[in-house]
Every structure is written in C-alpha cells, then in structure tokens.
Protein backbone atom coordinates (compact mmCIF):
# COMPACT_ATOMS: atom_id res chain seq x y z
CA MET A 1 0.00 0.00 0.00
CA ARG A 2 1.36 3.42 -1.01
CA GLU A 3 0.24 6.63 0.65
CA ILE A 4 -0.32 9.80 -1.36
CA ASP A 5 -1.13 13.10 0.32
CA VAL A 6 -4.03 14.77 -1.45
CA CYS A 7 -2.07 18.03 -1.46
CA GLN A 8 -0.10 16.51 -4.36
CA ILE A 9 -3.36 16.17 -6.30
CA THR A 10 -4.22 19.81 -5.58
CA LYS A 11 -0.79 20.94 -6.77
CA ALA A 12 -0.96 18.93 -9.98
CA VAL A 13 -4.46 20.14 -10.83
CA ARG A 14 -3.57 23.76 -10.02
CA GLU A 15 -0.53 23.69 -12.30
CA MET A 16 -2.30 21.91 -15.15
CA ALA A 17 -5.25 24.30 -15.01
CA VAL A 18 -2.85 27.08 -15.97
CA SER A 19 -0.56 25.19 -18.34
CA THR A 20 -3.31 23.57 -20.42
CA ASN A 21 -4.90 26.96 -21.00
CA HIS A 22 -1.67 28.37 -22.41
CA ARG A 23 0.02 25.50 -24.25
CA LEU A 24 -1.31 22.87 -26.63
CA SER A 25 0.31 19.46 -26.90
CA GLY A 26 2.82 18.93 -29.68
CA ASP A 27 0.60 16.63 -31.74
CA VAL A 28 -2.10 19.31 -32.01
CA CYS A 29 0.40 21.99 -33.04
CA GLN A 30 1.95 19.67 -35.61
CA ARG A 31 -1.42 18.74 -37.14
CA ILE A 32 -2.38 22.40 -37.52
CA GLN A 33 0.97 23.05 -39.21
CA GLU A 34 0.42 20.10 -41.57
CA TYR A 35 -3.03 21.30 -42.63
CA SER A 36 -1.84 24.87 -43.11
CA GLN A 37 0.47 23.53 -45.81
CA LYS A 38 -2.35 21.54 -47.46
CA GLU A 39 -4.83 24.39 -47.66
CA GLN A 40 -5.30 25.95 -51.11
CA TRP A 41 -7.99 28.45 -50.08
CA PRO A 42 -6.20 31.72 -49.09
CA VAL A 43 -8.72 32.61 -46.40
CA ALA A 44 -8.31 29.20 -44.76
CA ARG A 45 -4.52 29.48 -44.88
CA GLU A 46 -4.66 32.91 -43.25
CA ILE A 47 -6.93 31.66 -40.46
CA LEU A 48 -4.62 28.73 -39.72
CA LYS A 49 -1.70 31.15 -39.69
CA ASN A 50 -3.57 33.32 -37.17
CA ILE A 51 -4.26 30.25 -35.04
CA GLN A 52 -0.54 29.45 -34.98
CA GLU A 53 0.28 33.03 -34.00
CA ASN A 54 -2.29 32.82 -31.23
CA MET A 55 -0.64 29.65 -29.94
CA ASP A 56 2.77 31.36 -29.92
CA ILE A 57 1.42 34.32 -27.95
CA ALA A 58 -0.41 32.08 -25.46
CA GLN A 59 2.77 30.12 -24.73
CA GLU A 60 4.25 33.27 -23.20
CA GLY A 61 1.90 32.62 -20.28
CA VAL A 62 0.02 35.91 -20.11
CA PHE A 63 -2.97 35.43 -22.36
CA PRO A 64 -4.80 32.07 -22.56
CA LEU A 65 -5.37 30.25 -25.84
CA CYS A 66 -9.09 31.06 -25.74
CA GLN A 67 -11.31 33.36 -23.69
CA ASP A 68 -13.41 30.29 -22.82
CA THR A 69 -11.04 28.62 -20.38
CA GLY A 70 -13.52 25.80 -20.01
CA MET A 71 -15.17 23.65 -17.41
CA ALA A 72 -12.51 21.58 -15.67
CA CYS A 73 -12.82 17.91 -16.62
CA VAL A 74 -10.53 15.75 -14.48
CA PHE A 75 -9.92 12.06 -15.10
CA LEU A 76 -8.35 10.08 -12.24
CA GLU A 77 -6.91 6.61 -12.80
CA VAL A 78 -6.32 5.45 -9.25
CA GLY A 79 -4.15 2.43 -8.50
CA GLN A 80 -5.91 0.01 -6.17
CA GLU A 81 -2.79 -0.07 -3.96
CA VAL A 82 -3.02 3.67 -3.25
CA HIS A 83 -4.22 5.10 0.06
CA PHE A 84 -4.96 8.83 0.13
CA ILE A 85 -4.14 10.82 3.23
CA GLY A 86 -4.52 14.45 4.27
CA GLY A 87 -8.17 14.97 3.44
CA SER A 88 -10.79 14.43 0.77
CA LEU A 89 -9.58 13.46 -2.71
CA GLU A 90 -12.55 15.12 -4.38
CA GLU A 91 -12.12 18.36 -2.44
CA ALA A 92 -8.42 18.31 -3.32
CA VAL A 93 -9.33 18.33 -7.01
CA HIS A 94 -11.80 21.17 -6.55
CA GLN A 95 -9.21 23.13 -4.57
CA GLY A 96 -6.70 22.71 -7.37
CA VAL A 97 -9.21 24.08 -9.86
CA ARG A 98 -10.08 26.93 -7.50
CA GLU A 99 -6.44 27.93 -7.04
CA GLY A 100 -5.46 27.47 -10.68
CA TYR A 101 -8.27 29.51 -12.15
CA THR A 102 -7.94 32.26 -9.54
CA GLU A 103 -4.15 32.57 -9.47
CA GLY A 104 -3.92 32.14 -13.24
CA TYR A 105 -6.53 34.86 -13.90
CA LEU A 106 -8.57 32.45 -15.98
CA ARG A 107 -12.23 33.07 -16.78
CA LYS A 108 -14.68 31.56 -14.29
CA SER A 109 -17.35 29.82 -16.36
CA VAL A 110 -19.24 27.53 -13.96
CA VAL A 111 -22.72 28.34 -12.59
CA LYS A 112 -24.18 27.01 -9.34
CA ASP A 113 -27.43 25.75 -10.84
CA PRO A 114 -28.09 24.67 -14.44
CA VAL A 115 -31.44 26.48 -14.63
CA ARG A 116 -31.27 29.28 -12.06
CA ARG A 117 -27.58 29.98 -12.90
CA GLY A 118 -25.37 32.16 -10.65
CA ASN A 119 -21.57 31.97 -11.13
CA THR A 120 -19.63 30.03 -8.49
CA GLY A 121 -16.81 32.55 -8.81
CA ASP A 122 -13.92 30.07 -8.92
CA ASN A 123 -14.77 27.64 -11.76
CA THR A 124 -15.68 24.85 -9.34
CA PRO A 125 -16.94 22.24 -9.13
CA ALA A 126 -14.90 20.21 -11.57
CA HIS A 127 -16.34 17.28 -13.48
CA ILE A 128 -14.44 14.28 -12.08
CA HIS A 129 -14.32 10.76 -13.48
CA TYR A 130 -12.73 8.00 -11.40
CA GLU A 131 -11.32 4.70 -12.63
CA ILE A 132 -9.69 2.07 -10.40
CA VAL A 133 -6.70 0.39 -12.05
CA PRO A 134 -3.96 -2.01 -10.90
CA GLY A 135 -0.83 -0.60 -9.26
CA ASP A 136 0.22 2.06 -6.78
CA ARG A 137 0.19 5.17 -8.97
CA VAL A 138 -2.36 7.84 -9.79
CA LYS A 139 -2.69 9.35 -13.25
CA VAL A 140 -4.34 12.76 -13.28
CA THR A 141 -5.59 14.06 -16.64
CA PHE A 142 -6.82 17.64 -16.83
CA ALA A 143 -8.95 18.71 -19.79
CA PRO A 144 -10.65 22.12 -19.80
CA LYS A 145 -13.75 21.87 -22.02
CA GLY A 146 -15.14 24.96 -23.72
CA PHE A 147 -18.85 24.95 -24.38
CA GLY A 148 -18.88 26.45 -27.86
CA SER A 149 -17.90 22.96 -28.97
CA GLU A 150 -19.53 21.04 -26.10
CA ASN A 151 -22.93 22.46 -27.09
CA MET A 152 -22.56 20.95 -30.55
CA SER A 153 -22.17 17.39 -29.23
CA GLN A 154 -24.90 14.80 -29.68
CA ILE A 155 -25.85 11.25 -28.69
CA LYS A 156 -28.20 8.84 -30.41
CA MET A 157 -29.54 5.45 -29.37
CA PHE A 158 -29.47 3.44 -32.60
CA PRO A 159 -31.08 0.05 -33.16
CA PRO A 160 -28.49 -2.53 -34.21
CA ALA A 161 -29.97 -2.53 -37.71
CA ALA A 162 -28.54 0.97 -38.28
CA GLY A 163 -25.18 -0.74 -38.70
CA GLU A 164 -21.91 0.81 -39.77
CA LYS A 165 -23.57 3.18 -42.23
CA GLY A 166 -25.84 4.59 -39.56
CA VAL A 167 -22.90 5.29 -37.29
CA LYS A 168 -20.81 6.99 -39.97
CA ASP A 169 -23.66 9.09 -41.36
CA PHE A 170 -24.60 10.25 -37.85
CA VAL A 171 -21.06 11.40 -37.04
CA VAL A 172 -20.79 13.35 -40.29
CA GLN A 173 -24.24 14.88 -39.83
CA VAL A 174 -23.38 16.06 -36.31
CA VAL A 175 -20.38 17.93 -37.70
CA LYS A 176 -22.44 19.30 -40.58
CA ASP A 177 -25.12 20.54 -38.17
CA ALA A 178 -22.45 22.17 -36.00
CA GLY A 179 -21.06 24.18 -38.90
CA ALA A 180 -18.93 27.10 -37.74
CA ASN A 181 -20.25 27.08 -34.15
CA PRO A 182 -17.49 24.96 -32.54
CA CYS A 183 -14.67 27.11 -34.04
CA PRO A 184 -13.27 24.65 -36.59
CA PRO A 185 -10.89 23.08 -37.24
CA ILE A 186 -12.30 20.65 -34.70
CA VAL A 187 -11.43 17.35 -33.07
CA VAL A 188 -14.16 14.70 -33.10
CA GLY A 189 -14.46 12.15 -30.32
CA VAL A 190 -16.80 9.21 -30.94
CA GLY A 191 -18.07 6.71 -28.37
CA ILE A 192 -19.79 3.58 -29.65
CA GLY A 193 -21.45 0.97 -27.45
CA GLY A 194 -21.95 0.50 -23.74
CA THR A 195 -24.94 2.38 -22.36
CA PHE A 196 -26.29 5.90 -22.83
CA ASP A 197 -23.88 7.35 -20.26
CA ARG A 198 -20.90 5.14 -21.19
CA ALA A 199 -21.05 6.20 -24.85
CA ALA A 200 -20.93 9.88 -23.88
CA LEU A 201 -17.99 9.32 -21.54
CA MET A 202 -16.07 7.40 -24.19
CA ALA A 203 -16.65 10.19 -26.71
CA LYS A 204 -15.06 12.67 -24.31
CA GLN A 205 -12.21 10.29 -23.46
CA ALA A 206 -11.56 9.82 -27.18
CA LEU A 207 -10.61 13.51 -27.35
CA LEU A 208 -7.65 12.72 -25.09
CA ILE A 209 -6.10 10.24 -27.54
CA PRO A 210 -2.93 11.62 -29.21
CA PHE A 211 -3.38 12.34 -32.89
CA ASP A 212 -0.40 10.18 -33.80
CA ARG A 213 -1.73 7.12 -31.96
CA SER A 214 -3.50 4.80 -34.40
CA HIS A 215 -6.52 2.79 -33.31
CA PRO A 216 -5.37 -0.73 -32.39
CA ASP A 217 -8.26 -2.30 -34.32
CA PRO A 218 -7.79 -1.95 -38.11
CA TYR A 219 -11.58 -1.84 -38.58
CA TYR A 220 -11.97 1.28 -36.45
CA ARG A 221 -8.71 2.73 -37.74
CA GLU A 222 -10.19 2.70 -41.24
CA MET A 223 -13.43 4.15 -39.90
CA GLU A 224 -11.55 7.05 -38.29
CA GLU A 225 -9.73 7.74 -41.54
CA GLU A 226 -12.92 7.60 -43.62
CA LEU A 227 -14.80 9.86 -41.22
CA LEU A 228 -11.99 12.42 -41.23
CA ARG A 229 -11.98 12.42 -45.02
CA ARG A 230 -15.76 12.79 -45.27
CA ILE A 231 -15.86 15.55 -42.67
CA ASN A 232 -13.14 17.55 -44.43
CA GLU A 233 -14.98 17.11 -47.73
CA LEU A 234 -17.91 19.04 -46.21
CA GLY A 235 -15.97 22.23 -46.99
CA ILE A 236 -16.82 23.97 -43.70
CA GLY A 237 -13.15 24.81 -43.20
CA PRO A 238 -11.39 26.94 -40.58
CA GLN A 239 -13.88 29.11 -38.68
CA GLY A 240 -16.56 27.99 -41.16
CA LEU A 241 -15.22 30.11 -44.02
CA GLY A 242 -14.39 27.25 -46.36
CA GLY A 243 -11.44 24.96 -46.96
CA VAL A 244 -10.34 21.36 -46.46
CA THR A 245 -9.53 21.73 -42.75
CA THR A 246 -12.81 21.18 -40.96
CA ALA A 247 -11.40 18.55 -38.58
CA LEU A 248 -7.88 17.76 -37.40
CA ALA A 249 -8.67 14.24 -36.19
CA VAL A 250 -11.43 11.73 -35.50
CA LYS A 251 -10.90 9.34 -32.59
CA ILE A 252 -13.14 6.40 -31.66
CA LYS A 253 -13.59 4.43 -28.43
CA THR A 254 -15.88 1.40 -28.14
CA PHE A 255 -17.34 -0.90 -25.49
CA PRO A 256 -19.53 -4.04 -25.61
CA THR A 257 -23.25 -3.27 -25.60
CA HIS A 258 -26.68 -4.89 -25.32
CA ILE A 259 -28.08 -7.02 -28.15
CA ALA A 260 -30.96 -4.56 -28.60
CA GLY A 261 -28.97 -1.36 -28.94
CA MET A 262 -26.05 0.57 -30.38
CA PRO A 263 -25.46 3.89 -28.57
CA VAL A 264 -23.35 6.43 -30.47
CA ALA A 265 -22.08 9.68 -28.95
CA VAL A 266 -20.16 12.47 -30.67
CA ASN A 267 -18.22 14.92 -28.53
CA ILE A 268 -16.77 17.83 -30.47
CA ASN A 269 -13.77 19.90 -29.41
CA CYS A 270 -12.48 23.04 -31.06
CA HIS A 271 -8.89 23.25 -32.33
CA VAL A 272 -7.91 24.32 -28.78
CA SER A 273 -7.84 20.66 -27.76
CA ARG A 274 -6.44 21.17 -24.25
CA HIS A 275 -5.34 18.29 -22.06
CA GLU A 276 -2.37 17.24 -19.96
CA GLU A 277 -1.62 14.30 -17.72
CA ARG A 278 0.66 13.65 -14.76
CA VAL A 279 1.45 10.44 -12.92
CA LEU A 280 1.97 10.61 -9.16
C-alpha cells in the first residue's frame, strides 16, 4: 500500500489548469501546421496562420489560448494499492481548480445551478471521473472543455440494424449541423457501445487520444480515416469560411453493448484541444 497526500493532487491540478490553458500538446500543433500547408484556399490558410500566431502568444503565459477557459474535466486513474491521506480526494481536485483559475486569472465559467444559474466565482466544481486500475500510482488528466464545442455534441440510441452506415452518417451529420459554431478546425471524439452514459464518456475520453496514436483495431482505424476524409470534404473549413480543414482528427472508443442497442455519442472539441496528464 502506497500513501499519497491529497495536497499533491491539488498541486498537480492547479498547475495543469494554468498550463493547459496556455500551451497545446505537440501533436495538435503539428497537425495544424500540416493542414496549413495543405490548404489551397487563401482565407483558410490565413486563419490557420492566425491560429498558430495565437498559440505562440499564449505560450508566453500571459494570455490564454481562448477566452473560454472551459469547465474543468478531471480524469483520475487510481491504483488500487493507493491510500490517500490528508483529506478528501474530491475536495483536493476542486481546490486545485479553485487555485489554478484564480491565481492564473482564468475566466470563471461555472454556474451554481443549471437552470437558475449564478456563477460560483472560482470555476468549481470540476467534473471528475474515477477509474480504479492495478498498481500504486495515480494518473491525473486535466482537460478544460469549452462549451462552444460542447454544445454541438450529440448522442443517439441506434437500433443494431442501423449498422456501420448509420454510425458513420450520424457522425458526419453532427459535424455538418455544427457548422462554424465549434470554431473549426475541430477534433471529433466518438463513443460507440456501452450504455447511454458510457457512450458519452467514451466520446469525451476519445478527445484525449494523441493524434499520432492509431486505433489498435484496423476496422476502427479505417473508420476514423474515412470519417476524417468525409468531414473535411464538407468544406466547412477553418472558422466555417471554407477549406479542407474542418477537422484535425477523428478518434473512436468502443465498449460491448446490449443485443438490442447501439449507442453512439459524438463529442466535439475546437482546435484548442487542451489536455495534460501527470502520474503521481
């Protein structure tokens, strides 16, 4: 049994809240650079150039990548041999968000009640997902999620008869319906299978997969490639002004499901695909 003081969780979350809002991972930056060289439409090329300039400015640590610094989504993979000491694990996460968003001068975007509203003033509470895994380590993944893209996400409970075509057409239609709203170029996370809630979670987790990591199943690898091609053929382009760069990547996660159903969820992220992980 290994003991971890929850103050380490607070520290990690606090630091990642600031860093993820100022620096994108290398795979995202590289993909934007690749598409900027592919674009033939001058307007699209100029927008991608502006996006790259924005990333350079944000890395200086003063101005965040986007004014929507997101709702804090925190994924905890907790080793079953870990024992937390020093207080509540959940409160430690919230405290990290509270400190990070306050000390980092990041926009506070969370309201106390979904209907009656009222800002909490410190961007808490965070959305926390726990997973128990073997070992004595804890992996903390921090992913601020802006709602310009979150609002464009959809889920559909398909009958099995919808098949592969139904899944693919739905994903493309979701992106088509979203249009310019999620600030393309976008990243598309797809969750297939499980239950209503599991599909949505997988779609969000799919957004955390590095662009350069191929799907281990050739069937879904081909599906990702086809969906990316079809989405970019829509011509929505950067910021919805046309071009071949509507999406930077499509990532799929799956889980076994019931014989009577086939849940499919699509979680869209803008090009500011922010996430970072630390292992304690």
